Every structure is written in structure tokens, then in C-alpha cells.
């Protein structure tokens, strides 16, 4: 049922108005599903959200991206939001931050993002992303098929949080891969890669 709702959220979008009419929670699910269809592993459970930080964590090709969703109908996202996400991205050791809004970004926000690992998706860019992954949409003479299900990231055996593929830096296993808990050092749960 949840998967069906997520899929319909993406497939039913037609315009900026339908994006902006989406509730804040459904907006997060819509963004997550669009990225999942692009082949990303999506984790909803970082627990730093509630409009104070990270809503989603994306993984693909060894890169980790932190996403904040701003479902604002009219407002522009300003520089303070980007500064906060840049700080979280740096502290978490992520490769990039992605801020997604149904609205737009201020000039100061765009200036701050320039030259940094921050990707800005305003309402128009998000609509393009969503339309590019909609199922059953005709592109030329072809119909876009249902995308393959992206793999689900494993969970920590100790605390149940998401775990990331990491490389040991010290000890006898230096250089080898393992799965490590995202809440390290609070939790030291691991799994072999």
C-alpha cells in the first residue's frame, strides 16, 4: 500500500500546481520515489528532519547525498537553509547536499551554493525530474516502463539504523570494506561487506 502511494505520487504529477498542492510529508515521499527510480538507494530514517536538517539520504555509485525537502508554496528558500545543510553535510562526511523545494531559491542562496557541493532543485527542476521517471509516459514512440526496484540498504544489527559501506582505515583489516552504522560512534554495529 505504501509503495503504491509513493508510485502514484510521482506518476500523478502534471504541473507545479500539483507539486505545490502536495502535503509536506507526501512531498518527501515524492522526492524519495523520484530518486529511487533514478537508481538511488534511499533512506528515510536519519532522524534529523522535522525541518531542522536531513529528510533523506541517497546513495549511488559510492556517493552519499543528504537531502532536505522544502515544500513551500510561495516562499523562497534562503541562504540560512543552505548554510545549515552545508554544515550538516560537512559534519556527516557526505559527498553533497541537495535542497529540493516546490518554490524557488533566493539569489543569496544560489550565490552561497556556487562552487560548493550543494545541488539546488527548485519547483521547475523537480517537475522535470519527476516527469523524467513517470511510468507509462510516452517519450517519442516508447512508453517508459516500470523502473527496477532499487536495492534496500541493510540495517544495523544492533540499533536498526541504516548502515553505510565503509573502508577500514586502521588495524589488520585496513583497506577492507565493511558495513558500519550511521549513528557511529554512539553505535558501533557492523556487518561484513
N, C-alpha and C. Protein backbone atom coordinates (compact mmCIF):
# COMPACT_ATOMS: atom_id res chain seq x y z
N UNK A 1 0.83 -1.20 0.00
CA UNK A 1 0.00 0.00 0.00
C UNK A 1 0.87 1.26 0.00
N UNK A 2 1.90 1.30 0.87
CA UNK A 2 2.78 2.46 0.94
C UNK A 2 3.52 2.65 -0.37
N UNK A 3 4.03 1.55 -0.94
CA UNK A 3 4.74 1.62 -2.22
C UNK A 3 3.83 2.11 -3.33
N UNK A 4 2.58 1.67 -3.32
CA UNK A 4 1.61 2.11 -4.33
C UNK A 4 1.37 3.61 -4.22
N UNK A 5 1.23 4.10 -2.99
CA UNK A 5 1.00 5.53 -2.77
C UNK A 5 2.20 6.34 -3.28
N UNK A 6 3.41 5.89 -2.96
CA UNK A 6 4.62 6.59 -3.41
C UNK A 6 4.67 6.64 -4.93
N UNK A 7 4.38 5.51 -5.57
CA UNK A 7 4.41 5.46 -7.03
C UNK A 7 3.38 6.41 -7.63
N UNK A 8 2.17 6.44 -7.05
CA UNK A 8 1.12 7.32 -7.58
C UNK A 8 1.49 8.78 -7.37
N UNK A 9 2.16 9.10 -6.27
CA UNK A 9 2.57 10.49 -6.03
C UNK A 9 3.43 10.99 -7.19
N UNK A 10 4.31 10.14 -7.68
CA UNK A 10 5.18 10.52 -8.79
C UNK A 10 4.40 10.50 -10.11
N UNK A 11 3.69 9.43 -10.36
CA UNK A 11 3.05 9.26 -11.67
C UNK A 11 1.88 10.22 -11.90
N UNK A 12 1.28 10.77 -10.84
CA UNK A 12 0.14 11.66 -10.99
C UNK A 12 0.52 13.14 -11.14
N UNK A 13 1.79 13.47 -10.99
CA UNK A 13 2.20 14.89 -11.07
C UNK A 13 2.12 15.39 -12.51
N UNK A 14 1.49 16.54 -12.67
CA UNK A 14 1.32 17.12 -14.01
C UNK A 14 1.88 18.53 -14.13
N UNK A 15 1.98 19.25 -13.00
CA UNK A 15 2.35 20.66 -13.07
C UNK A 15 2.94 21.14 -11.74
N UNK A 16 3.44 22.37 -11.74
CA UNK A 16 3.93 22.97 -10.49
C UNK A 16 2.79 23.07 -9.48
N UNK A 17 1.59 23.30 -9.94
CA UNK A 17 0.44 23.42 -9.03
C UNK A 17 0.18 22.11 -8.30
N UNK A 18 0.27 20.97 -9.02
CA UNK A 18 0.04 19.69 -8.33
C UNK A 18 1.19 19.39 -7.37
N UNK A 19 2.40 19.78 -7.72
CA UNK A 19 3.53 19.60 -6.78
C UNK A 19 3.31 20.42 -5.51
N UNK A 20 2.90 21.66 -5.69
CA UNK A 20 2.72 22.57 -4.55
C UNK A 20 1.51 22.22 -3.70
N UNK A 21 0.56 21.48 -4.27
CA UNK A 21 -0.63 21.07 -3.51
C UNK A 21 -0.36 19.83 -2.65
N UNK A 22 0.80 19.22 -2.80
CA UNK A 22 1.16 18.02 -2.05
C UNK A 22 1.47 18.39 -0.60
N UNK A 23 1.06 17.57 0.35
CA UNK A 23 1.38 17.82 1.76
C UNK A 23 2.89 17.69 1.96
N UNK A 24 3.41 18.26 3.04
CA UNK A 24 4.88 18.23 3.26
C UNK A 24 5.39 16.81 3.35
N UNK A 25 4.66 15.89 3.99
CA UNK A 25 5.14 14.52 4.14
C UNK A 25 5.09 13.78 2.79
N UNK A 26 4.00 13.96 2.06
CA UNK A 26 3.91 13.35 0.74
C UNK A 26 4.97 13.93 -0.20
N UNK A 27 5.31 15.20 -0.02
CA UNK A 27 6.36 15.82 -0.83
C UNK A 27 7.68 15.08 -0.63
N UNK A 28 8.01 14.73 0.63
CA UNK A 28 9.22 13.96 0.91
C UNK A 28 9.17 12.60 0.23
N UNK A 29 8.01 11.93 0.30
CA UNK A 29 7.87 10.62 -0.33
C UNK A 29 8.01 10.72 -1.85
N UNK A 30 7.44 11.78 -2.42
CA UNK A 30 7.53 12.00 -3.86
C UNK A 30 8.99 12.17 -4.29
N UNK A 31 9.73 13.00 -3.56
CA UNK A 31 11.15 13.22 -3.87
C UNK A 31 11.92 11.91 -3.73
N UNK A 32 11.65 11.16 -2.65
CA UNK A 32 12.33 9.88 -2.43
C UNK A 32 12.06 8.90 -3.56
N UNK A 33 10.81 8.81 -4.00
CA UNK A 33 10.45 7.88 -5.07
C UNK A 33 11.09 8.28 -6.39
N UNK A 34 11.14 9.58 -6.68
CA UNK A 34 11.77 10.04 -7.92
C UNK A 34 13.25 9.65 -7.94
N UNK A 35 13.94 9.83 -6.82
CA UNK A 35 15.36 9.44 -6.77
C UNK A 35 15.53 7.92 -6.79
N UNK A 36 14.62 7.19 -6.15
CA UNK A 36 14.68 5.73 -6.18
C UNK A 36 14.60 5.24 -7.63
N UNK A 37 13.72 5.86 -8.40
CA UNK A 37 13.57 5.47 -9.81
C UNK A 37 14.80 5.84 -10.63
N UNK A 38 15.60 6.74 -10.13
CA UNK A 38 16.85 7.09 -10.81
C UNK A 38 17.99 6.16 -10.38
N UNK A 39 17.66 5.14 -9.57
CA UNK A 39 18.66 4.14 -9.20
C UNK A 39 19.36 4.40 -7.88
N UNK A 40 18.89 5.36 -7.09
CA UNK A 40 19.50 5.64 -5.79
C UNK A 40 18.93 4.71 -4.72
N UNK A 41 19.74 4.37 -3.75
CA UNK A 41 19.26 3.73 -2.52
C UNK A 41 18.81 4.89 -1.64
N UNK A 42 17.57 4.85 -1.16
CA UNK A 42 17.01 5.95 -0.39
C UNK A 42 16.74 5.50 1.04
N UNK A 43 17.23 6.30 1.99
CA UNK A 43 16.99 6.02 3.41
C UNK A 43 16.21 7.19 3.98
N UNK A 44 15.04 6.90 4.56
CA UNK A 44 14.17 7.92 5.14
C UNK A 44 14.47 8.17 6.61
N UNK A 45 15.27 7.34 7.23
CA UNK A 45 15.26 7.30 8.70
C UNK A 45 16.48 7.90 9.38
N UNK A 46 17.07 8.95 8.82
CA UNK A 46 18.22 9.53 9.50
C UNK A 46 17.80 10.17 10.82
N UNK A 47 16.56 10.67 10.89
CA UNK A 47 16.05 11.18 12.16
C UNK A 47 16.49 12.59 12.49
N UNK A 48 16.96 13.35 11.51
CA UNK A 48 17.39 14.72 11.78
C UNK A 48 16.46 15.71 11.09
N UNK A 49 15.31 15.24 10.68
CA UNK A 49 14.39 16.06 9.91
C UNK A 49 13.52 16.95 10.77
N UNK A 50 12.25 17.00 10.48
CA UNK A 50 11.29 17.90 11.09
C UNK A 50 11.73 19.34 10.91
N UNK A 51 12.08 19.63 9.67
CA UNK A 51 12.52 20.95 9.22
C UNK A 51 13.70 21.51 9.99
N UNK A 52 14.58 20.63 10.42
CA UNK A 52 15.80 21.10 11.05
C UNK A 52 17.01 20.45 10.43
N UNK A 53 16.84 19.77 9.32
CA UNK A 53 18.02 19.12 8.75
C UNK A 53 17.71 18.17 7.64
N UNK A 54 18.17 16.94 7.78
CA UNK A 54 18.16 15.95 6.70
C UNK A 54 16.84 15.19 6.68
N UNK A 55 16.23 15.11 5.50
CA UNK A 55 14.99 14.34 5.34
C UNK A 55 15.26 12.98 4.70
N UNK A 56 16.23 12.93 3.78
CA UNK A 56 16.55 11.69 3.06
C UNK A 56 18.06 11.57 2.91
N UNK A 57 18.53 10.32 2.83
CA UNK A 57 19.93 10.06 2.50
C UNK A 57 19.91 9.21 1.24
N UNK A 58 20.64 9.67 0.22
CA UNK A 58 20.72 8.96 -1.06
C UNK A 58 22.10 8.35 -1.20
N UNK A 59 22.16 7.14 -1.76
CA UNK A 59 23.45 6.50 -2.04
C UNK A 59 23.42 5.94 -3.46
N UNK A 60 24.50 6.20 -4.19
CA UNK A 60 24.63 5.67 -5.54
C UNK A 60 26.07 5.83 -5.97
N UNK A 61 26.63 4.79 -6.53
CA UNK A 61 27.99 4.86 -7.05
C UNK A 61 29.03 5.24 -6.01
N UNK A 62 28.83 4.81 -4.77
CA UNK A 62 29.79 5.11 -3.71
C UNK A 62 29.67 6.52 -3.14
N UNK A 63 28.69 7.29 -3.62
CA UNK A 63 28.49 8.66 -3.12
C UNK A 63 27.28 8.70 -2.20
N UNK A 64 27.35 9.57 -1.20
CA UNK A 64 26.24 9.74 -0.25
C UNK A 64 25.81 11.20 -0.28
N UNK A 65 24.52 11.40 -0.51
CA UNK A 65 23.94 12.74 -0.60
C UNK A 65 22.88 12.92 0.48
N UNK A 66 22.91 14.06 1.15
CA UNK A 66 21.91 14.40 2.16
C UNK A 66 20.90 15.35 1.53
N UNK A 67 19.61 15.04 1.72
CA UNK A 67 18.55 15.81 1.06
C UNK A 67 17.66 16.47 2.10
N UNK A 68 17.37 17.75 1.87
CA UNK A 68 16.35 18.43 2.66
C UNK A 68 15.25 18.88 1.71
N UNK A 69 14.00 18.58 2.07
CA UNK A 69 12.84 18.91 1.26
C UNK A 69 12.12 20.10 1.87
N UNK A 70 11.85 21.11 1.06
CA UNK A 70 11.13 22.31 1.48
C UNK A 70 9.89 22.45 0.62
N UNK A 71 8.78 22.00 1.13
CA UNK A 71 7.52 22.07 0.40
C UNK A 71 6.87 23.42 0.73
N UNK A 72 7.36 24.46 0.10
CA UNK A 72 6.86 25.82 0.33
C UNK A 72 6.15 26.28 -0.92
N UNK A 73 4.91 26.67 -0.76
CA UNK A 73 4.09 27.02 -1.91
C UNK A 73 4.53 28.32 -2.58
N UNK A 74 4.86 29.33 -1.80
CA UNK A 74 5.18 30.62 -2.39
C UNK A 74 6.57 31.10 -2.00
N UNK A 75 7.01 30.68 -0.84
CA UNK A 75 8.25 31.22 -0.28
C UNK A 75 9.49 30.78 -1.04
N UNK A 76 10.50 31.63 -0.94
CA UNK A 76 11.80 31.31 -1.49
C UNK A 76 12.68 30.74 -0.38
N UNK A 77 13.50 29.77 -0.72
CA UNK A 77 14.45 29.20 0.23
C UNK A 77 15.69 30.10 0.22
N UNK A 78 16.09 30.53 1.42
CA UNK A 78 17.20 31.47 1.54
C UNK A 78 18.50 30.83 1.96
N UNK A 79 19.51 31.67 2.05
CA UNK A 79 20.86 31.26 2.38
C UNK A 79 20.98 30.51 3.72
N UNK A 80 20.25 30.89 4.79
CA UNK A 80 20.40 30.17 6.07
C UNK A 80 20.14 28.66 5.97
N UNK A 81 19.16 28.26 5.15
CA UNK A 81 18.86 26.83 4.97
C UNK A 81 20.07 26.13 4.36
N UNK A 82 20.68 26.76 3.36
CA UNK A 82 21.85 26.18 2.70
C UNK A 82 23.05 26.11 3.63
N UNK A 83 23.24 27.15 4.43
CA UNK A 83 24.36 27.15 5.38
C UNK A 83 24.21 26.02 6.39
N UNK A 84 22.99 25.82 6.87
CA UNK A 84 22.73 24.73 7.82
C UNK A 84 23.02 23.38 7.18
N UNK A 85 22.53 23.15 5.96
CA UNK A 85 22.76 21.87 5.29
C UNK A 85 24.23 21.66 4.96
N UNK A 86 24.92 22.72 4.60
CA UNK A 86 26.35 22.62 4.31
C UNK A 86 27.11 22.17 5.57
N UNK A 87 26.73 22.73 6.72
CA UNK A 87 27.33 22.32 7.99
C UNK A 87 27.06 20.86 8.32
N UNK A 88 25.81 20.42 8.12
CA UNK A 88 25.45 19.02 8.40
C UNK A 88 26.20 18.10 7.44
N UNK A 89 26.25 18.48 6.15
CA UNK A 89 26.95 17.68 5.14
C UNK A 89 28.41 17.49 5.54
N UNK A 90 29.05 18.57 5.96
CA UNK A 90 30.45 18.51 6.36
C UNK A 90 30.62 17.63 7.59
N UNK A 91 29.77 17.83 8.60
CA UNK A 91 29.86 17.05 9.84
C UNK A 91 29.61 15.56 9.59
N UNK A 92 28.71 15.24 8.68
CA UNK A 92 28.37 13.84 8.38
C UNK A 92 29.35 13.19 7.41
N UNK A 93 30.22 13.97 6.80
CA UNK A 93 31.15 13.44 5.82
C UNK A 93 30.47 13.01 4.53
N UNK A 94 29.35 13.65 4.19
CA UNK A 94 28.63 13.32 2.96
C UNK A 94 29.31 13.98 1.77
N UNK A 95 29.00 13.46 0.58
CA UNK A 95 29.60 13.98 -0.64
C UNK A 95 28.91 15.25 -1.14
N UNK A 96 27.61 15.36 -0.87
CA UNK A 96 26.89 16.55 -1.31
C UNK A 96 25.61 16.73 -0.51
N UNK A 97 25.07 17.95 -0.60
CA UNK A 97 23.76 18.27 -0.04
C UNK A 97 22.85 18.63 -1.20
N UNK A 98 21.61 18.19 -1.12
CA UNK A 98 20.61 18.52 -2.14
C UNK A 98 19.44 19.17 -1.42
N UNK A 99 19.08 20.37 -1.83
CA UNK A 99 17.92 21.04 -1.26
C UNK A 99 16.87 21.08 -2.36
N UNK A 100 15.68 20.53 -2.05
CA UNK A 100 14.60 20.43 -3.02
C UNK A 100 13.43 21.27 -2.51
N UNK A 101 12.89 22.14 -3.36
CA UNK A 101 11.75 22.94 -2.97
C UNK A 101 10.70 22.95 -4.08
N UNK A 102 9.45 23.13 -3.69
CA UNK A 102 8.40 23.32 -4.68
C UNK A 102 8.35 24.79 -5.09
N UNK A 103 9.07 25.63 -4.36
CA UNK A 103 9.14 27.06 -4.66
C UNK A 103 10.39 27.40 -5.45
N UNK A 104 11.16 28.37 -4.94
CA UNK A 104 12.38 28.78 -5.63
C UNK A 104 13.44 29.16 -4.59
N UNK A 105 14.62 29.51 -5.06
CA UNK A 105 15.73 29.90 -4.20
C UNK A 105 16.04 31.38 -4.39
N UNK A 106 16.45 32.03 -3.30
CA UNK A 106 16.84 33.43 -3.39
C UNK A 106 18.18 33.54 -4.11
N UNK A 107 18.49 34.73 -4.59
CA UNK A 107 19.78 34.98 -5.21
C UNK A 107 20.93 34.72 -4.26
N UNK A 108 20.76 35.10 -2.97
CA UNK A 108 21.80 34.85 -1.95
C UNK A 108 22.03 33.35 -1.77
N UNK A 109 20.96 32.57 -1.81
CA UNK A 109 21.09 31.12 -1.67
C UNK A 109 21.88 30.55 -2.85
N UNK A 110 21.53 30.97 -4.06
CA UNK A 110 22.24 30.49 -5.26
C UNK A 110 23.71 30.89 -5.22
N UNK A 111 23.98 32.09 -4.75
CA UNK A 111 25.36 32.57 -4.63
C UNK A 111 26.14 31.73 -3.63
N UNK A 112 25.51 31.39 -2.48
CA UNK A 112 26.17 30.58 -1.47
C UNK A 112 26.50 29.19 -2.01
N UNK A 113 25.58 28.61 -2.80
CA UNK A 113 25.77 27.25 -3.33
C UNK A 113 26.85 27.19 -4.41
N UNK A 114 27.10 28.30 -5.06
CA UNK A 114 28.06 28.33 -6.16
C UNK A 114 29.45 27.86 -5.70
N UNK A 115 29.97 26.83 -6.37
CA UNK A 115 31.29 26.31 -6.06
C UNK A 115 31.32 25.32 -4.90
N UNK A 116 30.17 25.05 -4.29
CA UNK A 116 30.10 24.08 -3.19
C UNK A 116 29.37 22.83 -3.67
N UNK A 117 29.49 21.77 -2.92
CA UNK A 117 28.80 20.51 -3.25
C UNK A 117 27.36 20.57 -2.78
N UNK A 118 26.64 21.57 -3.28
CA UNK A 118 25.23 21.76 -2.94
C UNK A 118 24.46 21.83 -4.24
N UNK A 119 23.46 20.95 -4.37
CA UNK A 119 22.62 20.92 -5.55
C UNK A 119 21.27 21.53 -5.20
N UNK A 120 20.80 22.47 -6.00
CA UNK A 120 19.52 23.14 -5.75
C UNK A 120 18.50 22.69 -6.79
N UNK A 121 17.35 22.16 -6.32
CA UNK A 121 16.26 21.79 -7.22
C UNK A 121 15.05 22.62 -6.85
N UNK A 122 14.73 23.62 -7.69
CA UNK A 122 13.53 24.40 -7.45
C UNK A 122 12.33 23.66 -8.03
N UNK A 123 11.14 24.26 -7.94
CA UNK A 123 9.92 23.59 -8.40
C UNK A 123 10.00 23.13 -9.84
N UNK A 124 10.52 23.98 -10.73
CA UNK A 124 10.61 23.61 -12.15
C UNK A 124 11.57 22.44 -12.38
N UNK A 125 12.74 22.48 -11.70
CA UNK A 125 13.70 21.38 -11.84
C UNK A 125 13.13 20.08 -11.28
N UNK A 126 12.41 20.17 -10.16
CA UNK A 126 11.82 18.98 -9.57
C UNK A 126 10.77 18.39 -10.50
N UNK A 127 9.96 19.25 -11.10
CA UNK A 127 8.94 18.76 -12.04
C UNK A 127 9.60 18.03 -13.21
N UNK A 128 10.71 18.56 -13.72
CA UNK A 128 11.45 17.88 -14.79
C UNK A 128 11.94 16.51 -14.34
N UNK A 129 12.49 16.44 -13.11
CA UNK A 129 12.96 15.17 -12.57
C UNK A 129 11.81 14.18 -12.49
N UNK A 130 10.69 14.61 -11.91
CA UNK A 130 9.53 13.74 -11.73
C UNK A 130 9.01 13.25 -13.08
N UNK A 131 8.86 14.15 -14.03
CA UNK A 131 8.35 13.74 -15.35
C UNK A 131 9.29 12.77 -16.05
N UNK A 132 10.60 12.90 -15.78
CA UNK A 132 11.57 12.01 -16.44
C UNK A 132 11.48 10.58 -15.94
N UNK A 133 10.83 10.35 -14.79
CA UNK A 133 10.75 8.99 -14.24
C UNK A 133 9.32 8.47 -14.15
N UNK A 134 8.36 9.20 -14.68
CA UNK A 134 6.98 8.75 -14.61
C UNK A 134 6.77 7.51 -15.46
N UNK A 135 6.01 6.57 -14.93
CA UNK A 135 5.73 5.30 -15.61
C UNK A 135 4.54 5.49 -16.53
N UNK A 136 4.64 4.90 -17.74
CA UNK A 136 3.53 4.96 -18.67
C UNK A 136 3.53 6.23 -19.50
N UNK A 137 4.47 7.14 -19.25
CA UNK A 137 4.58 8.37 -20.00
C UNK A 137 5.24 8.08 -21.33
N UNK A 138 4.71 8.62 -22.39
CA UNK A 138 5.28 8.39 -23.71
C UNK A 138 6.44 9.33 -23.96
N UNK A 139 7.55 8.78 -24.40
CA UNK A 139 8.69 9.57 -24.83
C UNK A 139 8.97 9.11 -26.25
N UNK A 140 8.70 9.98 -27.21
CA UNK A 140 8.81 9.56 -28.61
C UNK A 140 7.75 8.51 -28.87
N UNK A 141 8.16 7.36 -29.40
CA UNK A 141 7.21 6.29 -29.65
C UNK A 141 7.28 5.21 -28.57
N UNK A 142 8.09 5.45 -27.54
CA UNK A 142 8.26 4.46 -26.47
C UNK A 142 7.50 4.86 -25.21
N UNK A 143 7.05 3.86 -24.48
CA UNK A 143 6.42 4.10 -23.18
C UNK A 143 7.44 3.74 -22.11
N UNK A 144 7.60 4.63 -21.14
CA UNK A 144 8.57 4.40 -20.07
C UNK A 144 8.08 3.24 -19.22
N UNK A 145 8.89 2.18 -19.06
CA UNK A 145 8.47 1.03 -18.27
C UNK A 145 8.62 1.29 -16.77
N UNK A 146 8.05 0.41 -15.97
CA UNK A 146 8.23 0.47 -14.51
C UNK A 146 9.71 0.27 -14.22
N UNK A 147 10.32 1.18 -13.45
CA UNK A 147 11.74 1.02 -13.15
C UNK A 147 12.00 -0.17 -12.24
N UNK A 148 13.19 -0.73 -12.36
CA UNK A 148 13.58 -1.84 -11.49
C UNK A 148 13.65 -1.35 -10.05
N UNK A 149 13.30 -2.18 -9.13
CA UNK A 149 13.34 -1.83 -7.71
C UNK A 149 14.78 -1.65 -7.28
N UNK A 150 15.09 -0.49 -6.71
CA UNK A 150 16.43 -0.24 -6.21
C UNK A 150 16.66 -1.09 -4.96
N UNK A 151 17.90 -1.50 -4.72
CA UNK A 151 18.17 -2.31 -3.54
C UNK A 151 17.88 -1.53 -2.26
N UNK A 152 17.47 -2.24 -1.24
CA UNK A 152 17.21 -1.64 0.06
C UNK A 152 18.48 -1.74 0.88
N UNK A 153 18.88 -0.60 1.49
CA UNK A 153 20.12 -0.63 2.26
C UNK A 153 19.92 -1.46 3.52
N UNK A 154 20.96 -2.21 3.92
CA UNK A 154 20.85 -3.03 5.13
C UNK A 154 20.72 -2.16 6.37
N UNK A 155 20.33 -2.78 7.46
CA UNK A 155 20.13 -2.09 8.74
C UNK A 155 21.16 -2.59 9.75
N UNK A 156 21.48 -1.74 10.70
CA UNK A 156 22.44 -2.08 11.75
C UNK A 156 21.89 -3.23 12.60
N UNK A 157 22.70 -4.25 12.85
CA UNK A 157 22.22 -5.38 13.64
C UNK A 157 22.03 -5.02 15.12
N UNK A 158 22.61 -3.91 15.58
CA UNK A 158 22.49 -3.54 16.99
C UNK A 158 21.35 -2.56 17.26
N UNK A 159 21.24 -1.49 16.42
CA UNK A 159 20.25 -0.45 16.73
C UNK A 159 19.16 -0.32 15.67
N UNK A 160 19.32 -0.96 14.50
CA UNK A 160 18.31 -0.90 13.46
C UNK A 160 18.40 0.30 12.53
N UNK A 161 19.35 1.22 12.76
CA UNK A 161 19.52 2.37 11.88
C UNK A 161 20.12 1.91 10.55
N UNK A 162 20.12 2.81 9.56
CA UNK A 162 20.75 2.50 8.27
C UNK A 162 22.25 2.34 8.48
N UNK A 163 22.87 1.53 7.63
CA UNK A 163 24.32 1.39 7.69
C UNK A 163 24.90 1.70 6.32
N UNK A 164 26.14 2.15 6.31
CA UNK A 164 26.81 2.56 5.09
C UNK A 164 28.01 1.68 4.81
N UNK A 165 28.33 1.53 3.53
CA UNK A 165 29.52 0.79 3.16
C UNK A 165 30.73 1.68 3.44
N UNK A 166 31.63 1.20 4.27
CA UNK A 166 32.79 1.98 4.69
C UNK A 166 34.07 1.19 4.41
N UNK A 167 35.21 1.86 4.55
CA UNK A 167 36.51 1.24 4.38
C UNK A 167 37.29 1.39 5.67
N UNK A 168 37.81 0.26 6.18
CA UNK A 168 38.60 0.31 7.43
C UNK A 168 39.87 1.11 7.17
N UNK A 169 40.17 2.02 8.10
CA UNK A 169 41.35 2.87 7.93
C UNK A 169 42.55 2.39 8.72
N UNK A 170 42.30 1.61 9.78
CA UNK A 170 43.40 1.16 10.64
C UNK A 170 43.26 -0.32 10.96
N UNK A 171 44.29 -0.84 11.59
CA UNK A 171 44.26 -2.22 12.07
C UNK A 171 44.58 -3.23 11.00
N UNK A 172 44.36 -4.49 11.36
CA UNK A 172 44.71 -5.59 10.46
C UNK A 172 43.80 -5.64 9.23
N UNK A 173 42.62 -4.99 9.30
CA UNK A 173 41.69 -5.00 8.17
C UNK A 173 41.70 -3.69 7.38
N UNK A 174 42.75 -2.88 7.57
CA UNK A 174 42.85 -1.59 6.87
C UNK A 174 42.70 -1.81 5.37
N UNK A 175 41.85 -0.98 4.74
CA UNK A 175 41.61 -1.08 3.31
C UNK A 175 40.45 -1.99 2.93
N UNK A 176 39.98 -2.83 3.86
CA UNK A 176 38.87 -3.73 3.54
C UNK A 176 37.53 -3.02 3.78
N UNK A 177 36.49 -3.47 3.07
CA UNK A 177 35.15 -2.88 3.15
C UNK A 177 34.34 -3.56 4.24
N UNK A 178 33.45 -2.78 4.86
CA UNK A 178 32.50 -3.31 5.85
C UNK A 178 31.31 -2.36 5.90
N UNK A 179 30.20 -2.85 6.44
CA UNK A 179 29.02 -2.01 6.66
C UNK A 179 29.11 -1.47 8.09
N UNK A 180 29.00 -0.13 8.24
CA UNK A 180 29.07 0.49 9.56
C UNK A 180 27.85 1.35 9.83
N UNK A 181 27.41 1.38 11.07
CA UNK A 181 26.21 2.11 11.49
C UNK A 181 26.37 3.62 11.24
N UNK A 182 25.29 4.26 10.77
CA UNK A 182 25.32 5.71 10.53
C UNK A 182 25.32 6.50 11.83
N UNK A 183 24.98 5.86 12.95
CA UNK A 183 25.00 6.59 14.21
C UNK A 183 26.30 6.39 14.98
N UNK A 184 27.32 5.86 14.29
CA UNK A 184 28.66 5.77 14.91
C UNK A 184 29.10 7.17 15.30
N UNK A 185 29.68 7.43 16.46
CA UNK A 185 30.23 6.50 17.43
C UNK A 185 29.25 6.05 18.51
N UNK A 186 28.02 6.58 18.49
CA UNK A 186 27.05 6.17 19.51
C UNK A 186 26.77 4.67 19.42
N UNK A 187 26.74 4.15 18.20
CA UNK A 187 26.53 2.72 18.00
C UNK A 187 27.68 2.22 17.13
N UNK A 188 28.27 1.11 17.51
CA UNK A 188 29.42 0.56 16.78
C UNK A 188 29.06 -0.71 16.00
N UNK A 189 27.76 -0.83 15.63
CA UNK A 189 27.31 -2.02 14.90
C UNK A 189 27.93 -2.09 13.51
N UNK A 190 28.33 -3.29 13.11
CA UNK A 190 28.92 -3.53 11.78
C UNK A 190 28.42 -4.83 11.20
N UNK A 191 28.57 -4.96 9.89
CA UNK A 191 28.32 -6.21 9.16
C UNK A 191 29.42 -6.36 8.14
N UNK A 192 29.80 -7.60 7.80
CA UNK A 192 30.80 -7.77 6.76
C UNK A 192 30.24 -7.36 5.41
N UNK A 193 31.09 -6.87 4.53
CA UNK A 193 30.65 -6.44 3.19
C UNK A 193 30.59 -7.63 2.25
